[in-house]
Each structure stands twice: as structure tokens, then as C-alpha cells.
Amino acid sequence: MQNRVERPPDLPAHKFSALKAEKLADGFSLTIPKQMYQKRIAEFKFSVIGRVLLRKGSKPQATHQLKLELNNLWGIQSEWKLLTLGKGFFTMKFSTLEDKKLAKTKIVWDLAAGSIRLRDWVPCFNPYKEVSSICQVWVRIYYLPNEFWDPKVITAIARIIGFCHTPILE
């Protein structure tokens, strides 16, 4: 079996020649020119990473259904892409900064089957190395006097229990 890297059909030969492949004992190494790498990074400047957290008993949505639901929530008119990363993670690649800001008006968005938590896109993100440090916790506070039912007080209580972005007050 020959170890060689072939040029993908949609990549011109002169661009592929800038890549340098090297066989190593435990695999191979591919050197990508800095300019080419920075160009690809720039293409994701209006992107965010989202993780879908399903409610107990819910089934994952198809990607096109998730995109439709998010589009309805955000009301984005321009074209954007939803890229599957695995383990419930997605990249949302927007065309404009305004679209990115619109999606990030909330950190957590409620979905039909659960919720999606958004964060800024970062290079070299690997969902399989991601350690979840966030979980949703519901706390019922019994016998809290009426004068303490204030968003600032509830937020302070939530912060004592654990880091809280936005408590849900009912």
C-alpha cells in the first residue's frame, strides 16, 4: 500500500503544492502555510459554536430541522450554515457580524427538544476533547418571603449555589 496524499479534485494543483506531507513512524505530518491557515480562520470570524442539550426522553433533531428552528428563533434573513461537529456540537457560520450578534443575544436558547448553548467560535475546537463543565439545575426554594422575590436577590442566591447566567423566575 502506497502512502501518498492526493489532490482533492476541487483544489487547484498550485495551491496543493504549498502543502508539505511527511511520513512519520506513528502517522503523518502535514504542513499548512500560515497564509492559507489564516485565510481559513478568517472565514469563521462570524461563527459560533453551539451544543444541543436534549431534555430527558427527547430524540435529536435532523440538522435541517434544527437549522429551521434556530432560523425561526433568530429571524436571520441572510444565508448561514449549520455544520455538525459531533457529540451534540455544531458550528453556526454566519455571513455578517449582525447575524452573529443576533444569535448571541442569549447564551442559551430553548428548543422544542431541549436547549442550545452558544459560545464564540475558536480554532482547533475538538468536541471529543470537550469536558462539560455546565449543567442545568432546577432549585426550588421553599418558604422564601415575598420581599426576597426580586431578580437581584434570586440571582444572588443562584450565584451562591453555582455560577448562573440567567435564573428562570416563575
C-alpha atoms as a PDB file:
ATOM      1  CA  MET A   1       0.000   0.000   0.000  1.00  0.00           C
ATOM      2  CA  GLN A   2       1.362   3.344  -1.025  1.00  0.00           C
ATOM      3  CA  ASN A   3       1.272   6.271   1.415  1.00  0.00           C
ATOM      4  CA  ARG A   4       0.614   9.349  -0.636  1.00  0.00           C
ATOM      5  CA  VAL A   5      -1.614  12.345  -0.403  1.00  0.00           C
ATOM      6  CA  GLU A   6      -3.711  13.009  -3.467  1.00  0.00           C
ATOM      7  CA  ARG A   7      -5.002  16.425  -4.515  1.00  0.00           C
ATOM      8  CA  PRO A   8      -8.744  16.800  -3.984  1.00  0.00           C
ATOM      9  CA  PRO A   9     -10.478  17.479  -7.316  1.00  0.00           C
ATOM     10  CA  ASP A  10     -11.733  20.943  -6.302  1.00  0.00           C
ATOM     11  CA  LEU A  11      -8.318  22.212  -5.109  1.00  0.00           C
ATOM     12  CA  PRO A  12      -6.066  23.632  -7.850  1.00  0.00           C
ATOM     13  CA  ALA A  13      -2.663  21.964  -8.185  1.00  0.00           C
ATOM     14  CA  HIS A  14      -0.743  25.190  -7.494  1.00  0.00           C
ATOM     15  CA  LYS A  15      -2.483  25.546  -4.091  1.00  0.00           C
ATOM     16  CA  PHE A  16      -1.940  21.904  -3.196  1.00  0.00           C
ATOM     17  CA  SER A  17       1.785  22.176  -3.919  1.00  0.00           C
ATOM     18  CA  ALA A  18       2.065  24.575  -0.941  1.00  0.00           C
ATOM     19  CA  LEU A  19       1.174  21.698   1.417  1.00  0.00           C
ATOM     20  CA  LYS A  20       4.012  19.508   2.583  1.00  0.00           C
ATOM     21  CA  ALA A  21       3.275  15.981   3.751  1.00  0.00           C
ATOM     22  CA  GLU A  22       5.776  13.929   5.704  1.00  0.00           C
ATOM     23  CA  LYS A  23       5.507  10.296   6.806  1.00  0.00           C
ATOM     24  CA  LEU A  24       6.257   9.721  10.475  1.00  0.00           C
ATOM     25  CA  ALA A  25       6.606   6.489  12.455  1.00  0.00           C
ATOM     26  CA  ASP A  26       3.180   6.930  14.095  1.00  0.00           C
ATOM     27  CA  GLY A  27       1.299   8.602  11.239  1.00  0.00           C
ATOM     28  CA  PHE A  28       1.998  11.615   9.079  1.00  0.00           C
ATOM     29  CA  SER A  29       2.558  15.338   9.369  1.00  0.00           C
ATOM     30  CA  LEU A  30       1.049  17.953   7.097  1.00  0.00           C
ATOM     31  CA  THR A  31       2.492  21.448   6.992  1.00  0.00           C
ATOM     32  CA  ILE A  32      -0.028  24.092   6.015  1.00  0.00           C
ATOM     33  CA  PRO A  33       1.304  27.524   5.066  1.00  0.00           C
ATOM     34  CA  LYS A  34       0.435  30.202   7.612  1.00  0.00           C
ATOM     35  CA  GLN A  35      -1.251  32.407   4.999  1.00  0.00           C
ATOM     36  CA  MET A  36      -3.544  29.572   3.902  1.00  0.00           C
ATOM     37  CA  TYR A  37      -4.406  28.754   7.523  1.00  0.00           C
ATOM     38  CA  GLN A  38      -5.144  32.400   8.393  1.00  0.00           C
ATOM     39  CA  LYS A  39      -7.395  32.698   5.349  1.00  0.00           C
ATOM     40  CA  ARG A  40      -9.451  29.717   6.554  1.00  0.00           C
ATOM     41  CA  ILE A  41      -9.584  31.126  10.113  1.00  0.00           C
ATOM     42  CA  ALA A  42     -10.885  34.439   8.721  1.00  0.00           C
ATOM     43  CA  GLU A  43     -13.769  32.587   7.057  1.00  0.00           C
ATOM     44  CA  PHE A  44     -15.083  31.719  10.539  1.00  0.00           C
ATOM     45  CA  LYS A  45     -14.869  35.225  12.039  1.00  0.00           C
ATOM     46  CA  PHE A  46     -18.668  35.474  12.326  1.00  0.00           C
ATOM     47  CA  SER A  47     -19.131  31.926  13.673  1.00  0.00           C
ATOM     48  CA  VAL A  48     -20.276  30.494  16.988  1.00  0.00           C
ATOM     49  CA  ILE A  49     -20.167  27.020  18.482  1.00  0.00           C
ATOM     50  CA  GLY A  50     -23.346  25.598  19.952  1.00  0.00           C
ATOM     51  CA  ARG A  51     -24.096  22.494  21.954  1.00  0.00           C
ATOM     52  CA  VAL A  52     -27.546  20.965  21.954  1.00  0.00           C
ATOM     53  CA  LEU A  53     -28.664  19.585  25.303  1.00  0.00           C
ATOM     54  CA  LEU A  54     -31.703  17.335  24.970  1.00  0.00           C
ATOM     55  CA  ARG A  55     -34.478  17.016  27.517  1.00  0.00           C
ATOM     56  CA  LYS A  56     -34.868  13.594  29.074  1.00  0.00           C
ATOM     57  CA  GLY A  57     -36.636  11.323  26.598  1.00  0.00           C
ATOM     58  CA  SER A  58     -36.168  13.685  23.627  1.00  0.00           C
ATOM     59  CA  LYS A  59     -34.665  12.492  20.366  1.00  0.00           C
ATOM     60  CA  PRO A  60     -32.099  14.507  18.401  1.00  0.00           C
ATOM     61  CA  GLN A  61     -33.441  16.564  15.513  1.00  0.00           C
ATOM     62  CA  ALA A  62     -32.171  16.240  11.969  1.00  0.00           C
ATOM     63  CA  THR A  63     -29.700  19.018  11.147  1.00  0.00           C
ATOM     64  CA  HIS A  64     -32.053  20.695   8.659  1.00  0.00           C
ATOM     65  CA  GLN A  65     -34.853  20.731  11.284  1.00  0.00           C
ATOM     66  CA  LEU A  66     -32.515  22.264  13.874  1.00  0.00           C
ATOM     67  CA  LYS A  67     -31.435  24.941  11.397  1.00  0.00           C
ATOM     68  CA  LEU A  68     -35.061  25.762  10.595  1.00  0.00           C
ATOM     69  CA  GLU A  69     -35.949  26.044  14.294  1.00  0.00           C
ATOM     70  CA  LEU A  70     -32.935  28.272  15.010  1.00  0.00           C
ATOM     71  CA  ASN A  71     -33.719  30.416  11.974  1.00  0.00           C
ATOM     72  CA  ASN A  72     -37.265  30.914  13.289  1.00  0.00           C
ATOM     73  CA  LEU A  73     -35.906  31.896  16.722  1.00  0.00           C
ATOM     74  CA  TRP A  74     -33.287  34.305  15.392  1.00  0.00           C
ATOM     75  CA  GLY A  75     -35.100  35.663  12.332  1.00  0.00           C
ATOM     76  CA  ILE A  76     -31.884  35.810  10.308  1.00  0.00           C
ATOM     77  CA  GLN A  77     -32.557  36.781   6.707  1.00  0.00           C
ATOM     78  CA  SER A  78     -29.119  36.197   5.174  1.00  0.00           C
ATOM     79  CA  GLU A  79     -27.604  32.809   4.357  1.00  0.00           C
ATOM     80  CA  TRP A  80     -25.854  30.895   7.154  1.00  0.00           C
ATOM     81  CA  LYS A  81     -24.532  27.362   7.610  1.00  0.00           C
ATOM     82  CA  LEU A  82     -25.014  24.806  10.351  1.00  0.00           C
ATOM     83  CA  LEU A  83     -22.042  22.436  10.482  1.00  0.00           C
ATOM     84  CA  THR A  84     -22.203  19.228  12.537  1.00  0.00           C
ATOM     85  CA  LEU A  85     -19.147  18.608  14.733  1.00  0.00           C
ATOM     86  CA  GLY A  86     -20.289  15.561  16.751  1.00  0.00           C
ATOM     87  CA  LYS A  87     -21.299  14.942  20.402  1.00  0.00           C
ATOM     88  CA  GLY A  88     -24.139  17.463  20.050  1.00  0.00           C
ATOM     89  CA  PHE A  89     -21.835  20.295  18.951  1.00  0.00           C
ATOM     90  CA  PHE A  90     -22.435  22.477  15.897  1.00  0.00           C
ATOM     91  CA  THR A  91     -20.743  25.430  14.237  1.00  0.00           C
ATOM     92  CA  MET A  92     -23.051  28.199  13.068  1.00  0.00           C
ATOM     93  CA  LYS A  93     -21.244  30.054  10.296  1.00  0.00           C
ATOM     94  CA  PHE A  94     -22.893  33.438   9.711  1.00  0.00           C
ATOM     95  CA  SER A  95     -22.418  35.864   6.820  1.00  0.00           C
ATOM     96  CA  THR A  96     -22.387  39.039   8.907  1.00  0.00           C
ATOM     97  CA  LEU A  97     -21.429  40.282  12.348  1.00  0.00           C
ATOM     98  CA  GLU A  98     -25.026  41.449  12.848  1.00  0.00           C
ATOM     99  CA  ASP A  99     -26.295  37.879  12.367  1.00  0.00           C
ATOM    100  CA  LYS A 100     -23.759  36.576  14.888  1.00  0.00           C
ATOM    101  CA  LYS A 101     -24.798  39.240  17.409  1.00  0.00           C
ATOM    102  CA  LEU A 102     -28.458  38.390  16.830  1.00  0.00           C
ATOM    103  CA  ALA A 103     -27.819  34.708  17.610  1.00  0.00           C
ATOM    104  CA  LYS A 104     -25.767  35.614  20.683  1.00  0.00           C
ATOM    105  CA  THR A 105     -28.381  37.909  22.228  1.00  0.00           C
ATOM    106  CA  LYS A 106     -28.927  34.942  24.550  1.00  0.00           C
ATOM    107  CA  ILE A 107     -26.378  32.364  25.679  1.00  0.00           C
ATOM    108  CA  VAL A 108     -28.979  29.610  25.968  1.00  0.00           C
ATOM    109  CA  TRP A 109     -31.896  29.220  23.555  1.00  0.00           C
ATOM    110  CA  ASP A 110     -34.862  26.955  24.274  1.00  0.00           C
ATOM    111  CA  LEU A 111     -35.609  24.400  21.560  1.00  0.00           C
ATOM    112  CA  ALA A 112     -38.514  22.016  21.063  1.00  0.00           C
ATOM    113  CA  ALA A 113     -36.359  19.075  22.181  1.00  0.00           C
ATOM    114  CA  GLY A 114     -34.125  20.854  24.706  1.00  0.00           C
ATOM    115  CA  SER A 115     -31.793  23.832  24.512  1.00  0.00           C
ATOM    116  CA  ILE A 116     -28.701  25.056  22.703  1.00  0.00           C
ATOM    117  CA  ARG A 117     -25.862  26.862  24.476  1.00  0.00           C
ATOM    118  CA  LEU A 118     -23.755  29.207  22.341  1.00  0.00           C
ATOM    119  CA  ARG A 119     -20.189  30.452  22.651  1.00  0.00           C
ATOM    120  CA  ASP A 120     -17.683  32.137  20.397  1.00  0.00           C
ATOM    121  CA  TRP A 121     -16.002  30.015  17.748  1.00  0.00           C
ATOM    122  CA  VAL A 122     -12.378  29.050  18.431  1.00  0.00           C
ATOM    123  CA  PRO A 123      -9.830  27.462  16.090  1.00  0.00           C
ATOM    124  CA  CYS A 124      -8.989  23.768  16.529  1.00  0.00           C
ATOM    125  CA  PHE A 125     -12.153  23.035  18.514  1.00  0.00           C
ATOM    126  CA  ASN A 126     -12.492  19.302  19.121  1.00  0.00           C
ATOM    127  CA  PRO A 127     -15.842  18.172  20.563  1.00  0.00           C
ATOM    128  CA  TYR A 128     -14.333  14.832  21.606  1.00  0.00           C
ATOM    129  CA  LYS A 129     -11.852  16.567  23.933  1.00  0.00           C
ATOM    130  CA  GLU A 130     -14.503  18.890  25.360  1.00  0.00           C
ATOM    131  CA  VAL A 131     -15.247  18.430  29.038  1.00  0.00           C
ATOM    132  CA  SER A 132     -18.685  19.617  30.036  1.00  0.00           C
ATOM    133  CA  SER A 133     -18.491  21.970  32.962  1.00  0.00           C
ATOM    134  CA  ILE A 134     -22.057  23.235  32.762  1.00  0.00           C
ATOM    135  CA  CYS A 135     -25.261  21.556  33.768  1.00  0.00           C
ATOM    136  CA  GLN A 136     -28.756  22.843  34.180  1.00  0.00           C
ATOM    137  CA  VAL A 137     -30.037  22.658  37.730  1.00  0.00           C
ATOM    138  CA  TRP A 138     -33.529  23.407  38.962  1.00  0.00           C
ATOM    139  CA  VAL A 139     -33.763  24.654  42.531  1.00  0.00           C
ATOM    140  CA  ARG A 140     -36.998  25.100  44.432  1.00  0.00           C
ATOM    141  CA  ILE A 141     -36.761  27.489  47.357  1.00  0.00           C
ATOM    142  CA  TYR A 142     -39.470  26.813  49.940  1.00  0.00           C
ATOM    143  CA  TYR A 143     -40.857  29.496  52.227  1.00  0.00           C
ATOM    144  CA  LEU A 144     -38.963  32.420  50.686  1.00  0.00           C
ATOM    145  CA  PRO A 145     -40.638  35.605  51.968  1.00  0.00           C
ATOM    146  CA  ASN A 146     -42.259  37.811  49.325  1.00  0.00           C
ATOM    147  CA  GLU A 147     -39.812  40.675  49.809  1.00  0.00           C
ATOM    148  CA  PHE A 148     -36.989  38.442  48.544  1.00  0.00           C
ATOM    149  CA  TRP A 149     -38.727  37.646  45.234  1.00  0.00           C
ATOM    150  CA  ASP A 150     -36.617  40.117  43.319  1.00  0.00           C
ATOM    151  CA  PRO A 151     -34.442  39.295  40.292  1.00  0.00           C
ATOM    152  CA  LYS A 152     -31.315  40.644  42.040  1.00  0.00           C
ATOM    153  CA  VAL A 153     -31.947  38.600  45.186  1.00  0.00           C
ATOM    154  CA  ILE A 154     -32.768  35.427  43.234  1.00  0.00           C
ATOM    155  CA  THR A 155     -29.632  35.900  41.106  1.00  0.00           C
ATOM    156  CA  ALA A 156     -27.534  36.338  44.268  1.00  0.00           C
ATOM    157  CA  ILE A 157     -28.990  33.093  45.689  1.00  0.00           C
ATOM    158  CA  ALA A 158     -28.330  31.317  42.390  1.00  0.00           C
ATOM    159  CA  ARG A 159     -24.693  32.507  42.421  1.00  0.00           C
ATOM    160  CA  ILE A 160     -24.225  31.054  45.904  1.00  0.00           C
ATOM    161  CA  ILE A 161     -25.475  27.677  44.619  1.00  0.00           C
ATOM    162  CA  GLY A 162     -23.309  27.867  41.480  1.00  0.00           C
ATOM    163  CA  PHE A 163     -22.442  30.134  38.566  1.00  0.00           C
ATOM    164  CA  CYS A 164     -25.618  31.417  36.996  1.00  0.00           C
ATOM    165  CA  HIS A 165     -26.184  33.308  33.740  1.00  0.00           C
ATOM    166  CA  THR A 166     -29.915  33.916  33.904  1.00  0.00           C
ATOM    167  CA  PRO A 167     -32.167  32.363  36.517  1.00  0.00           C
ATOM    168  CA  ILE A 168     -35.655  31.484  35.327  1.00  0.00           C
ATOM    169  CA  LEU A 169     -38.135  33.226  37.574  1.00  0.00           C
ATOM    170  CA  GLU A 170     -41.672  31.875  37.744  1.00  0.00           C
END
